[in-house]
């Protein structure tokens, strides 16, 4: 592809390049640069890509895209290399997102569950082949691909879209993280539908304030054709005010919303409600318990309606959906007690799942949880207080400590639990904590393993170590049976 074709959506400040030169590929990691590449010098948090321009040239880069021109070599200077990487990648792969119906979901909690429910709805109602991008990984139809990030870097994302188009996908459902919006990973993508689910405290280590976090989320509604918004969320007004598209809102409280849930029924096996959309009414059901499932269901139905499905089509498809891995996921036990795995790793998510389980727990509710290292520290005492308030036993343990001391993280969690010492237990080793919970379970108890969800690893330092809670439970139950 000619360089001028890659640059057609960019504002070039200065260049010494022949714009008709052929470019064989794009790279932003000098270690992966190949002969004939356009190397994009992205400024990262740990290193600046401009430092590696000489290495990229030594590897055979034909030119560099940069914010500061090098002293030697062929370059194209632009103002923002993150944006440049996104738009050049989009062009390099032939604008693949324009060839599919794009659905983007943003919010603190519920994105993964909602994305899988939307995928199911589109498959059931339309027979569509759907691509999916999110926390649990990437799906191209039925093919599963592992992913390190909720939203991949822009080059990988555009490459995935190209693969999806080539595989025959007609729709893409993706989680759009606040990081991806702030760091231009999704720049240049026009979503047919963007949905806002909720906003609660998370990622303040990156964004600094809730306002900055919300502002990043709001960017989605400047690049979509219609927005589906949760009217009951406190940040609804902020999101709507910045939206540059028509809005379809949903609510359980306001009759002013376009889509309303009425006559809500919460049971141990799921939720039911009357979905009202204008003059249309249909009985909706979802086999995932909890009030948060009502909101997830409304968001999913809203997306379906925004895409042109009838209320009946959307409701019927939702009713046949099953649960999602790591989201209130039940695992087998050896007695009259239950073990559930959930990804809840924010204060709001932990409170939601604990209150849901409280309503269906005959015995004691035991919460095994921790907080991630190198992440928002402010939420640690909040999660401690929530666990102590809502569980009979709050068992504090380790959860991806990364480069922090796990015992220091636990001390910060315990700061929110000072007034509840009788309901609190600490076992730093997560495997040992799970074993203790199983050994001490009584008839009717529910054990919640919160925080890891779909993850099958523990991050210690900068290394991932295999740790699948499903395997931990199964192995320990087999060991108990032998003894």
Protein backbone atom coordinates (compact mmCIF):
# COMPACT_ATOMS: atom_id res chain seq x y z
CA UNK A 1 0.00 0.00 0.00
CA UNK A 2 1.26 3.50 -0.78
CA UNK A 3 2.18 5.76 2.10
CA UNK A 4 -0.25 8.46 0.97
CA UNK A 5 -3.12 5.96 1.28
CA UNK A 6 -2.19 5.22 4.91
CA UNK A 7 -2.03 8.94 5.67
CA UNK A 8 -5.25 10.01 3.94
CA UNK A 9 -7.14 10.53 7.22
CA UNK A 10 -4.24 12.21 9.04
CA UNK A 11 -3.10 15.83 9.23
CA UNK A 12 0.57 15.79 8.27
CA UNK A 13 2.64 18.57 9.87
CA UNK A 14 5.83 17.88 7.96
CA UNK A 15 7.46 15.07 5.99
CA UNK A 16 10.52 14.29 3.94
CA UNK A 17 8.98 11.09 2.57
CA UNK A 18 8.01 10.13 -0.96
CA UNK A 19 4.28 9.68 -0.42
CA UNK A 20 4.11 7.19 -3.29
CA UNK A 21 6.53 4.81 -1.56
CA UNK A 22 5.20 1.31 -0.86
CA UNK A 23 4.57 0.31 2.75
CA UNK A 24 4.46 -3.38 3.55
CA UNK A 25 3.10 -3.23 7.09
CA UNK A 26 2.64 -1.17 10.26
CA UNK A 27 4.46 -1.66 13.56
CA UNK A 28 4.61 0.23 16.83
CA UNK A 29 7.02 -2.13 18.61
CA UNK A 30 10.53 -1.87 17.18
CA UNK A 31 11.20 -5.48 18.16
CA UNK A 32 8.51 -6.58 15.73
CA UNK A 33 9.36 -4.16 12.95
CA UNK A 34 9.95 -5.77 9.55
CA UNK A 35 11.42 -4.68 6.24
CA UNK A 36 9.24 -2.05 4.55
CA UNK A 37 7.14 -1.21 7.63
CA UNK A 38 5.81 2.15 8.70
CA UNK A 39 6.98 2.39 12.33
CA UNK A 40 4.70 4.45 14.57
CA UNK A 41 6.53 6.07 17.50
CA UNK A 42 3.84 5.87 20.20
CA UNK A 43 4.57 7.49 23.54
CA UNK A 44 3.82 4.89 26.22
CA UNK A 45 3.70 5.07 30.01
CA UNK A 46 6.92 3.13 30.51
CA UNK A 47 8.79 4.04 27.31
CA UNK A 48 8.65 6.48 24.41
CA UNK A 49 8.55 4.98 20.93
CA UNK A 50 10.69 7.86 19.65
CA UNK A 51 13.65 6.32 21.49
CA UNK A 52 13.39 3.24 19.29
CA UNK A 53 13.29 4.95 15.90
CA UNK A 54 16.97 4.04 15.18
CA UNK A 55 16.19 0.39 16.02
CA UNK A 56 13.17 0.44 13.72
CA UNK A 57 15.26 1.80 10.86
CA UNK A 58 17.92 -0.83 11.56
CA UNK A 59 15.19 -3.48 11.27
CA UNK A 60 14.26 -2.16 7.83
CA UNK A 61 11.47 0.34 8.48
CA UNK A 62 10.73 2.34 5.33
CA UNK A 63 9.54 5.39 7.28
CA UNK A 64 8.46 6.46 10.75
CA UNK A 65 5.30 8.22 11.88
CA UNK A 66 6.33 10.49 14.73
CA UNK A 67 5.57 13.59 16.78
CA UNK A 68 9.22 14.70 16.83
CA UNK A 69 11.25 14.26 13.61
CA UNK A 70 14.39 12.12 13.87
CA UNK A 71 17.78 13.54 12.93
CA UNK A 72 18.11 10.94 10.18
CA UNK A 73 15.75 8.85 8.08
CA UNK A 74 12.41 9.15 6.34
CA UNK A 75 9.63 10.46 8.55
CA UNK A 76 6.10 11.81 8.66
CA UNK A 77 5.39 14.21 11.52
CA UNK A 78 1.89 14.39 13.06
CA UNK A 79 0.50 15.76 16.34
CA UNK A 80 -0.70 12.49 17.96
CA UNK A 81 0.82 9.10 17.19
CA UNK A 82 -1.83 7.16 19.12
CA UNK A 83 -4.48 8.66 16.85
CA UNK A 84 -2.16 8.16 13.91
CA UNK A 85 -1.72 4.47 14.67
CA UNK A 86 -5.49 3.98 14.82
CA UNK A 87 -6.29 5.80 11.58
CA UNK A 88 -3.35 4.40 9.61
CA UNK A 89 -4.22 0.87 10.77
CA UNK A 90 -7.83 1.38 9.74
CA UNK A 91 -6.69 2.34 6.24
CA UNK A 92 -4.10 -0.45 6.03
CA UNK A 93 -6.73 -3.14 6.68
CA UNK A 94 -9.25 -1.60 4.28
CA UNK A 95 -11.68 0.07 6.72
CA UNK A 96 -13.09 -3.29 7.89
CA UNK A 97 -15.45 -1.88 10.55
CA UNK A 98 -17.46 -0.11 7.85
CA UNK A 99 -18.35 -3.50 6.39
CA UNK A 100 -20.06 -4.77 9.57
CA UNK A 101 -22.69 -3.57 12.03
CA UNK A 102 -20.73 -2.27 15.03
CA UNK A 103 -22.04 -2.32 18.61
CA UNK A 104 -19.98 -0.79 21.43
CA UNK A 105 -20.69 -1.17 25.15
CA UNK A 106 -19.22 1.01 27.87
CA UNK A 107 -19.76 1.14 31.62
CA UNK A 108 -18.08 -0.03 34.80
CA UNK A 109 -20.01 -3.25 35.31
CA UNK A 110 -21.98 -5.61 33.10
CA UNK A 111 -20.15 -5.11 29.80
CA UNK A 112 -19.00 -8.70 29.40
CA UNK A 113 -22.32 -10.28 30.31
CA UNK A 114 -24.20 -7.83 28.09
CA UNK A 115 -21.86 -8.41 25.15
CA UNK A 116 -22.46 -12.17 25.26
CA UNK A 117 -26.21 -11.63 25.60
CA UNK A 118 -26.23 -9.31 22.57
CA UNK A 119 -24.20 -11.85 20.60
CA UNK A 120 -26.75 -14.52 21.50
CA UNK A 121 -29.66 -12.23 20.60
CA UNK A 122 -28.23 -11.47 17.16
CA UNK A 123 -27.49 -15.12 16.47
CA UNK A 124 -30.96 -16.20 17.57
CA UNK A 125 -33.01 -13.38 16.02
CA UNK A 126 -31.05 -12.81 12.81
CA UNK A 127 -28.94 -15.91 12.34
CA UNK A 128 -25.97 -13.52 12.26
CA UNK A 129 -22.33 -14.48 12.48
CA UNK A 130 -21.01 -12.26 15.25
CA UNK A 131 -17.54 -11.12 16.24
CA UNK A 132 -17.01 -10.35 19.91
CA UNK A 133 -14.23 -8.38 21.63
CA UNK A 134 -14.00 -8.11 25.39
CA UNK A 135 -12.68 -9.10 28.79
CA UNK A 136 -13.35 -12.81 28.34
CA UNK A 137 -11.46 -12.82 25.03
CA UNK A 138 -12.26 -12.56 21.36
CA UNK A 139 -14.74 -14.58 19.32
CA UNK A 140 -14.92 -14.79 15.54
CA UNK A 141 -18.16 -16.68 15.17
CA UNK A 142 -17.53 -19.82 17.23
CA UNK A 143 -13.72 -19.47 17.14
CA UNK A 144 -12.21 -18.26 20.40
CA UNK A 145 -9.02 -16.16 20.63
CA UNK A 146 -7.33 -15.17 23.88
CA UNK A 147 -6.82 -11.46 24.53
CA UNK A 148 -4.68 -9.61 27.08
CA UNK A 149 -6.85 -6.47 27.17
CA UNK A 150 -10.56 -5.72 27.25
CA UNK A 151 -10.00 -3.58 24.14
CA UNK A 152 -6.83 -4.40 22.16
CA UNK A 153 -4.46 -1.76 20.77
CA UNK A 154 -5.80 -0.10 17.62
CA UNK A 155 -3.58 -2.01 15.16
CA UNK A 156 -4.58 -5.39 16.60
CA UNK A 157 -8.20 -4.28 16.75
CA UNK A 158 -8.31 -3.29 13.07
CA UNK A 159 -6.53 -6.53 12.16
CA UNK A 160 -9.21 -8.45 14.08
CA UNK A 161 -11.97 -6.60 12.25
CA UNK A 162 -10.34 -7.59 8.96
CA UNK A 163 -10.29 -11.24 10.09
CA UNK A 164 -13.95 -10.98 11.09
CA UNK A 165 -14.95 -9.56 7.71
CA UNK A 166 -12.99 -12.28 5.91
CA UNK A 167 -14.65 -14.93 8.10
CA UNK A 168 -18.12 -13.68 7.14
CA UNK A 169 -19.08 -11.80 10.31
CA UNK A 170 -21.91 -9.35 9.81
CA UNK A 171 -21.95 -7.87 13.33
CA UNK A 172 -19.37 -7.02 15.99
CA UNK A 173 -20.14 -6.60 19.68
CA UNK A 174 -17.32 -5.11 21.71
CA UNK A 175 -16.61 -3.82 25.17
CA UNK A 176 -15.22 -0.30 24.85
CA UNK A 177 -13.10 0.37 27.92
CA UNK A 178 -12.38 3.83 29.27
CA UNK A 179 -8.67 3.21 28.63
CA UNK A 180 -9.35 2.44 24.96
CA UNK A 181 -11.35 5.65 24.56
CA UNK A 182 -8.78 7.80 26.34
CA UNK A 183 -5.85 6.23 24.48
CA UNK A 184 -7.44 6.38 21.00
CA UNK A 185 -7.54 2.61 20.52
CA UNK A 186 -11.05 2.87 19.04
CA UNK A 187 -10.47 6.15 17.17
CA UNK A 188 -11.96 6.15 13.70
CA UNK A 189 -14.60 3.51 14.45
CA UNK A 190 -18.19 4.58 13.84
CA UNK A 191 -20.51 2.46 15.94
CA UNK A 192 -24.02 1.79 14.73
CA UNK A 193 -25.07 1.55 18.39
CA UNK A 194 -23.23 2.61 21.53
CA UNK A 195 -24.57 1.64 24.96
CA UNK A 196 -23.87 3.08 28.41
CA UNK A 197 -24.68 0.66 31.24
CA UNK A 198 -23.50 2.38 34.44
CA UNK A 199 -20.63 4.25 36.06
CA UNK A 200 -19.18 3.50 39.50
CA UNK A 201 -15.73 3.91 40.97
CA UNK A 202 -12.92 2.13 39.15
CA UNK A 203 -9.68 2.94 37.29
CA UNK A 204 -9.02 6.15 39.21
CA UNK A 205 -5.36 5.13 39.23
CA UNK A 206 -5.45 5.96 35.51
CA UNK A 207 -8.11 8.66 35.16
CA UNK A 208 -7.54 10.46 38.46
CA UNK A 209 -11.12 11.60 39.04
CA UNK A 210 -14.61 10.27 38.43
CA UNK A 211 -15.23 13.23 36.11
CA UNK A 212 -12.25 12.29 33.92
CA UNK A 213 -13.35 8.64 33.98
CA UNK A 214 -16.86 9.66 32.88
CA UNK A 215 -15.48 11.99 30.21
CA UNK A 216 -13.55 9.09 28.69
CA UNK A 217 -16.69 6.93 28.63
CA UNK A 218 -18.69 9.76 27.08
CA UNK A 219 -16.42 9.86 24.05
CA UNK A 220 -18.22 6.77 22.74
CA UNK A 221 -21.32 8.88 22.06
CA UNK A 222 -19.42 11.18 19.75
CA UNK A 223 -18.71 8.27 17.43
CA UNK A 224 -21.95 6.31 17.21
CA UNK A 225 -25.18 6.67 15.27
CA UNK A 226 -27.53 5.98 18.19
CA UNK A 227 -26.91 5.76 21.92
CA UNK A 228 -28.64 3.42 24.38
CA UNK A 229 -28.37 4.91 27.88
CA UNK A 230 -29.29 3.80 31.40
CA UNK A 231 -31.56 6.61 32.57
CA UNK A 232 -31.42 5.46 36.20
CA UNK A 233 -27.66 5.86 36.52
CA UNK A 234 -26.48 9.05 38.30
CA UNK A 235 -24.18 9.81 35.34
CA UNK A 236 -26.98 9.59 32.77
CA UNK A 237 -27.32 13.37 32.44
CA UNK A 238 -23.60 13.78 31.93
CA UNK A 239 -23.57 11.11 29.22
CA UNK A 240 -26.64 12.46 27.47
CA UNK A 241 -25.38 16.04 27.55
CA UNK A 242 -22.26 15.09 25.64
CA UNK A 243 -23.92 12.72 23.20
CA UNK A 244 -23.81 13.69 19.52
CA UNK A 245 -26.44 11.18 18.41
CA UNK A 246 -30.10 10.27 19.02
CA UNK A 247 -30.74 8.52 22.37
CA UNK A 248 -32.86 5.50 23.31
CA UNK A 249 -32.90 5.36 27.11
CA UNK A 250 -34.08 2.63 29.47
CA UNK A 251 -35.27 2.62 33.08
CA UNK A 252 -36.94 0.71 35.87
CA UNK A 253 -38.01 3.96 37.56
CA UNK A 254 -38.97 6.60 35.00
CA UNK A 255 -42.00 6.45 32.74
CA UNK A 256 -40.26 9.05 30.57
CA UNK A 257 -37.76 6.49 29.28
CA UNK A 258 -38.20 4.90 25.87
CA UNK A 259 -37.83 1.36 27.27
CA UNK A 260 -39.18 0.53 30.71
CA UNK A 261 -39.14 -2.55 32.95
CA UNK A 262 -42.30 -3.00 35.01
CA UNK A 263 -43.64 -5.73 37.34
CA UNK A 264 -40.11 -6.95 38.07
CA UNK A 265 -39.78 -10.42 39.61
CA UNK A 266 -36.45 -11.52 41.11
CA UNK A 267 -35.91 -15.22 41.83
CA UNK A 268 -33.00 -17.53 42.58
CA UNK A 269 -33.03 -18.72 38.98
CA UNK A 270 -33.25 -15.38 37.21
CA UNK A 271 -35.37 -12.30 36.55
CA UNK A 272 -38.69 -11.57 34.83
CA UNK A 273 -40.29 -8.27 33.95
CA UNK A 274 -42.71 -6.62 31.57
CA UNK A 275 -40.74 -4.76 28.92
CA UNK A 276 -42.65 -1.71 27.69
CA UNK A 277 -41.58 0.11 24.51
CA UNK A 278 -44.07 2.69 23.35
CA UNK A 279 -47.34 0.85 22.81
CA UNK A 280 -45.60 -2.54 22.77
CA UNK A 281 -45.37 -4.85 25.79
CA UNK A 282 -43.63 -8.22 26.14
CA UNK A 283 -42.67 -10.50 29.03
CA UNK A 284 -38.89 -10.59 29.31
CA UNK A 285 -36.88 -13.16 31.22
CA UNK A 286 -33.20 -13.82 31.80
CA UNK A 287 -31.73 -16.84 33.56
CA UNK A 288 -29.21 -14.81 35.61
CA UNK A 289 -30.38 -13.65 39.07
CA UNK A 290 -30.11 -10.16 40.52
CA UNK A 291 -31.46 -6.67 39.97
CA UNK A 292 -28.34 -5.89 37.95
CA UNK A 293 -29.57 -8.52 35.48
CA UNK A 294 -32.70 -6.45 34.89
CA UNK A 295 -30.52 -3.52 33.86
CA UNK A 296 -28.28 -5.72 31.73
CA UNK A 297 -31.37 -7.14 30.05
CA UNK A 298 -32.79 -3.67 29.39
CA UNK A 299 -29.51 -2.56 27.84
CA UNK A 300 -29.47 -5.63 25.61
CA UNK A 301 -33.08 -5.13 24.55
CA UNK A 302 -32.35 -1.45 23.88
CA UNK A 303 -29.50 -2.40 21.57
CA UNK A 304 -31.78 -4.84 19.75
CA UNK A 305 -34.43 -2.18 19.28
CA UNK A 306 -31.84 0.35 18.08
CA UNK A 307 -30.71 -2.20 15.48
CA UNK A 308 -34.26 -2.61 14.18
CA UNK A 309 -35.41 -5.77 15.96
CA UNK A 310 -38.98 -5.81 17.20
CA UNK A 311 -39.52 -5.97 20.94
CA UNK A 312 -40.89 -9.49 20.51
CA UNK A 313 -37.82 -10.67 18.59
CA UNK A 314 -35.44 -9.21 21.15
CA UNK A 315 -37.33 -10.59 24.16
CA UNK A 316 -37.70 -14.07 22.66
CA UNK A 317 -33.97 -14.29 21.92
CA UNK A 318 -33.00 -13.01 25.38
CA UNK A 319 -35.19 -15.65 27.00
CA UNK A 320 -33.07 -18.51 25.62
CA UNK A 321 -29.73 -17.07 26.78
CA UNK A 322 -27.60 -18.86 29.36
CA UNK A 323 -25.06 -17.53 31.83
CA UNK A 324 -21.55 -16.26 31.08
CA UNK A 325 -18.29 -17.76 32.35
CA UNK A 326 -17.13 -16.04 35.52
CA UNK A 327 -20.36 -14.14 36.04
CA UNK A 328 -22.32 -15.67 38.95
CA UNK A 329 -20.99 -19.00 37.68
CA UNK A 330 -21.87 -22.07 39.74
CA UNK A 331 -19.27 -24.81 40.21
CA UNK A 332 -19.94 -28.35 41.53
CA UNK A 333 -19.52 -29.05 45.25
CA UNK A 334 -19.58 -32.18 47.43
CA UNK A 335 -22.36 -31.14 49.76
CA UNK A 336 -25.42 -29.03 50.49
CA UNK A 337 -23.65 -25.74 49.92
CA UNK A 338 -22.94 -23.66 46.83
CA UNK A 339 -19.81 -22.11 45.32
CA UNK A 340 -20.18 -19.26 42.86
CA UNK A 341 -17.42 -17.51 40.88
CA UNK A 342 -17.90 -13.89 39.86
CA UNK A 343 -15.67 -11.21 38.35
CA UNK A 344 -16.89 -8.56 40.84
CA UNK A 345 -13.80 -6.41 41.39
CA UNK A 346 -15.35 -2.98 41.98
CA UNK A 347 -17.33 -1.75 45.01
CA UNK A 348 -20.61 -1.57 43.09
CA UNK A 349 -20.20 -4.98 41.47
CA UNK A 350 -19.31 -6.64 44.78
CA UNK A 351 -22.28 -5.05 46.53
CA UNK A 352 -24.64 -6.07 43.71
CA UNK A 353 -23.63 -9.72 43.69
CA UNK A 354 -23.59 -10.02 47.49
CA UNK A 355 -27.09 -8.54 47.79
CA UNK A 356 -28.31 -10.85 45.04
CA UNK A 357 -26.87 -13.90 46.78
CA UNK A 358 -28.12 -12.79 50.18
CA UNK A 359 -31.67 -13.09 48.90
CA UNK A 360 -31.19 -16.75 47.94
CA UNK A 361 -28.86 -17.95 50.73
CA UNK A 362 -30.40 -20.27 53.32
CA UNK A 363 -27.31 -20.42 55.50
CA UNK A 364 -24.28 -18.12 55.68
CA UNK A 365 -22.84 -16.04 52.88
CA UNK A 366 -19.04 -16.34 52.71
CA UNK A 367 -17.23 -13.84 50.49
CA UNK A 368 -13.66 -14.61 49.42
CA UNK A 369 -12.21 -11.49 47.80
CA UNK A 370 -9.22 -9.19 47.41
CA UNK A 371 -8.13 -6.15 45.40
CA UNK A 372 -5.67 -5.93 42.53
CA UNK A 373 -2.25 -4.39 42.92
CA UNK A 374 -1.10 -1.39 40.87
CA UNK A 375 -4.71 -0.35 40.50
CA UNK A 376 -7.14 2.13 42.12
CA UNK A 377 -6.24 2.10 45.83
CA UNK A 378 -9.21 4.23 46.88
CA UNK A 379 -11.65 1.38 46.29
CA UNK A 380 -9.90 -1.03 48.69
CA UNK A 381 -11.47 0.11 52.00
CA UNK A 382 -14.79 0.59 50.20
CA UNK A 383 -14.80 -3.04 49.08
CA UNK A 384 -13.77 -4.13 52.58
CA UNK A 385 -16.73 -2.32 54.11
CA UNK A 386 -19.13 -3.70 51.50
CA UNK A 387 -17.98 -7.28 52.07
CA UNK A 388 -18.21 -6.94 55.85
CA UNK A 389 -21.66 -5.35 55.65
CA UNK A 390 -23.15 -7.89 53.26
CA UNK A 391 -21.43 -11.20 54.00
CA UNK A 392 -21.54 -13.30 57.15
CA UNK A 393 -17.85 -14.03 56.71
CA UNK A 394 -15.65 -11.66 54.70
CA UNK A 395 -12.50 -13.61 53.89
CA UNK A 396 -9.84 -11.20 52.63
CA UNK A 397 -7.16 -12.67 50.37
CA UNK A 398 -4.91 -11.85 47.43
CA UNK A 399 -6.06 -11.01 43.91
CA UNK A 400 -3.43 -10.17 41.28
CA UNK A 401 -1.07 -8.28 43.63
CA UNK A 402 1.23 -7.44 40.71
CA UNK A 403 4.19 -5.39 41.96
CA UNK A 404 2.62 -4.48 45.32
CA UNK A 405 2.99 -6.32 48.63
CA UNK A 406 -0.20 -8.41 48.96
CA UNK A 407 -0.23 -7.98 52.74
CA UNK A 408 -0.14 -4.20 52.34
CA UNK A 409 -3.10 -4.38 49.94
CA UNK A 410 -4.97 -6.44 52.53
CA UNK A 411 -4.20 -3.88 55.25
CA UNK A 412 -5.76 -1.19 53.06
CA UNK A 413 -8.86 -3.36 52.56
CA UNK A 414 -9.10 -3.98 56.32
CA UNK A 415 -9.13 -0.22 56.96
CA UNK A 416 -12.75 -0.28 55.79
CA UNK A 417 -13.64 -3.19 58.09
CA UNK A 418 -12.46 -1.89 61.48
CA UNK A 419 -15.90 -1.91 63.07
CA UNK A 420 -16.70 -5.47 61.97
CA UNK A 421 -13.88 -7.67 63.32
CA UNK A 422 -16.15 -10.64 64.06
CA UNK A 423 -17.11 -11.02 60.39
CA UNK A 424 -13.61 -10.74 58.98
CA UNK A 425 -10.90 -13.31 58.33
CA UNK A 426 -7.57 -12.92 56.51
CA UNK A 427 -5.75 -15.64 54.56
CA UNK A 428 -3.28 -14.05 52.16
CA UNK A 429 -2.76 -17.14 49.98
CA UNK A 430 -5.82 -17.34 47.71
CA UNK A 431 -5.69 -21.12 47.30
CA UNK A 432 -5.57 -21.59 51.07
CA UNK A 433 -8.45 -19.13 51.45
CA UNK A 434 -10.60 -21.16 49.06
CA UNK A 435 -9.70 -24.37 50.91
CA UNK A 436 -10.67 -22.77 54.24
CA UNK A 437 -14.02 -21.63 52.88
CA UNK A 438 -14.80 -25.14 51.63
CA UNK A 439 -13.69 -26.78 54.89
CA UNK A 440 -15.88 -24.45 56.92
CA UNK A 441 -18.99 -24.52 54.71
CA UNK A 442 -22.20 -25.71 56.35
CA UNK A 443 -25.49 -26.85 54.92
CA UNK A 444 -27.20 -24.02 53.07
CA UNK A 445 -24.10 -21.81 52.87
CA UNK A 446 -23.08 -19.93 49.73
CA UNK A 447 -19.39 -19.27 49.03
CA UNK A 448 -18.67 -16.39 46.65
CA UNK A 449 -15.23 -16.36 45.04
CA UNK A 450 -15.12 -12.75 43.89
CA UNK A 451 -12.69 -10.86 41.68
CA UNK A 452 -11.17 -13.33 39.26
CA UNK A 453 -14.22 -14.52 37.34
CA UNK A 454 -13.10 -15.82 33.95
CA UNK A 455 -9.41 -15.33 34.75
CA UNK A 456 -7.29 -18.47 35.06
CA UNK A 457 -4.19 -16.79 36.43
CA UNK A 458 -2.72 -14.82 39.32
CA UNK A 459 -0.37 -11.93 38.49
CA UNK A 460 2.54 -11.73 40.92
CA UNK A 461 5.16 -9.12 40.06
CA UNK A 462 4.86 -8.92 36.30
CA UNK A 463 4.44 -12.67 35.80
CA UNK A 464 1.22 -14.59 35.24
CA UNK A 465 0.92 -17.85 37.17
CA UNK A 466 -1.78 -20.36 36.30
CA UNK A 467 -4.66 -20.24 38.80
CA UNK A 468 -8.12 -21.38 37.80
CA UNK A 469 -10.57 -21.33 40.68
CA UNK A 470 -12.68 -24.03 39.05
CA UNK A 471 -9.66 -26.33 39.08
CA UNK A 472 -8.74 -25.34 42.64
CA UNK A 473 -12.21 -26.27 43.89
CA UNK A 474 -12.39 -29.53 41.91
CA UNK A 475 -8.87 -30.64 42.94
CA UNK A 476 -9.51 -29.91 46.60
CA UNK A 477 -12.84 -31.74 46.60
CA UNK A 478 -11.15 -34.79 45.06
CA UNK A 479 -8.43 -34.62 47.72
CA UNK A 480 -11.02 -34.41 50.51
CA UNK A 481 -12.84 -37.39 49.07
CA UNK A 482 -9.66 -39.51 49.08
CA UNK A 483 -8.96 -38.63 52.70
